[in-house]
Protein backbone atom coordinates (compact mmCIF):
# COMPACT_ATOMS: atom_id res chain seq x y z
CA UNK A 1 95.27 85.49 64.92
CA UNK A 2 94.69 89.13 64.57
CA UNK A 3 94.03 91.95 67.00
CA UNK A 4 90.00 91.98 67.58
CA UNK A 5 87.78 95.18 67.11
CA UNK A 6 87.26 95.60 71.02
CA UNK A 7 91.08 95.67 71.22
CA UNK A 8 91.56 98.23 68.26
CA UNK A 9 88.98 100.40 69.98
CA UNK A 10 90.53 99.86 73.34
CA UNK A 11 94.33 101.23 72.23
CA UNK A 12 92.42 104.74 71.24
CA UNK A 13 91.18 105.18 74.83
CA UNK A 14 91.67 107.93 77.11
CA UNK A 15 92.67 107.87 80.65
CA UNK A 16 89.09 107.42 82.17
CA UNK A 17 88.41 104.64 79.14
CA UNK A 18 87.52 101.42 81.26
CA UNK A 19 88.85 97.87 79.96
CA UNK A 20 86.67 96.17 77.51
CA UNK A 21 84.72 93.09 78.71
CA UNK A 22 87.00 90.63 77.50
CA UNK A 23 90.19 91.95 78.90
CA UNK A 24 91.17 90.39 82.30
CA UNK A 25 93.86 91.43 84.78
CA UNK A 26 97.36 90.00 84.63
CA UNK A 27 99.86 90.00 87.54
CA UNK A 28 99.73 92.61 90.31
CA UNK A 29 99.00 96.32 90.28
CA UNK A 30 102.41 98.46 90.13
CA UNK A 31 102.18 101.50 92.32
CA UNK A 32 105.32 103.87 91.74
CA UNK A 33 105.34 106.44 94.55
CA UNK A 34 106.81 109.78 94.12
CA UNK A 35 106.30 113.29 95.41
CA UNK A 36 102.67 113.99 96.09
CA UNK A 37 100.85 114.30 93.62
CA UNK A 38 103.03 112.40 91.29
CA UNK A 39 102.30 108.96 92.20
CA UNK A 40 100.95 106.67 89.49
CA UNK A 41 99.82 103.15 88.89
CA UNK A 42 100.21 100.50 86.21
CA UNK A 43 98.42 97.36 85.38
CA UNK A 44 98.49 94.69 82.72
CA UNK A 45 95.71 93.11 81.01
CA UNK A 46 95.14 90.31 78.31
CA UNK A 47 92.17 89.90 75.87
CA UNK A 48 90.54 86.62 76.35
CA UNK A 49 89.58 86.82 72.75
CA UNK A 50 92.61 87.70 70.70
CA UNK A 51 95.45 87.30 73.43
CA UNK A 52 96.52 90.88 73.09
CA UNK A 53 98.45 92.33 75.97
CA UNK A 54 97.79 95.85 77.35
CA UNK A 55 99.32 97.83 80.07
CA UNK A 56 97.19 100.71 81.51
CA UNK A 57 98.97 103.54 83.37
CA UNK A 58 97.86 106.62 85.09
CA UNK A 59 101.07 108.32 84.59
CA UNK A 60 100.54 111.63 82.81
CA UNK A 61 103.47 111.16 80.67
CA UNK A 62 102.49 107.75 79.40
CA UNK A 63 99.96 106.45 76.94
CA UNK A 64 96.79 105.34 79.17
CA UNK A 65 96.33 102.09 77.19
CA UNK A 66 99.31 100.98 75.34
CA UNK A 67 99.25 97.73 73.38
CA UNK A 68 102.27 95.27 73.40
CA UNK A 69 102.58 93.86 69.97
CA UNK A 70 104.71 90.41 69.37
């Protein structure tokens, strides 16, 4: 199955972009601590429609929404 249009748009969202309606959290939130305010969080998501996987990161050096292509 190919990527759905919602996931295509999700991969282009900014840091403040919320997950689309069919993305569900997978696993636990990962918290990376550093010297304040350098800590950040990562959360994995999977689309219920096309099964694509994303990681959302609040790290300023990462892409906000990373699409994991298999």
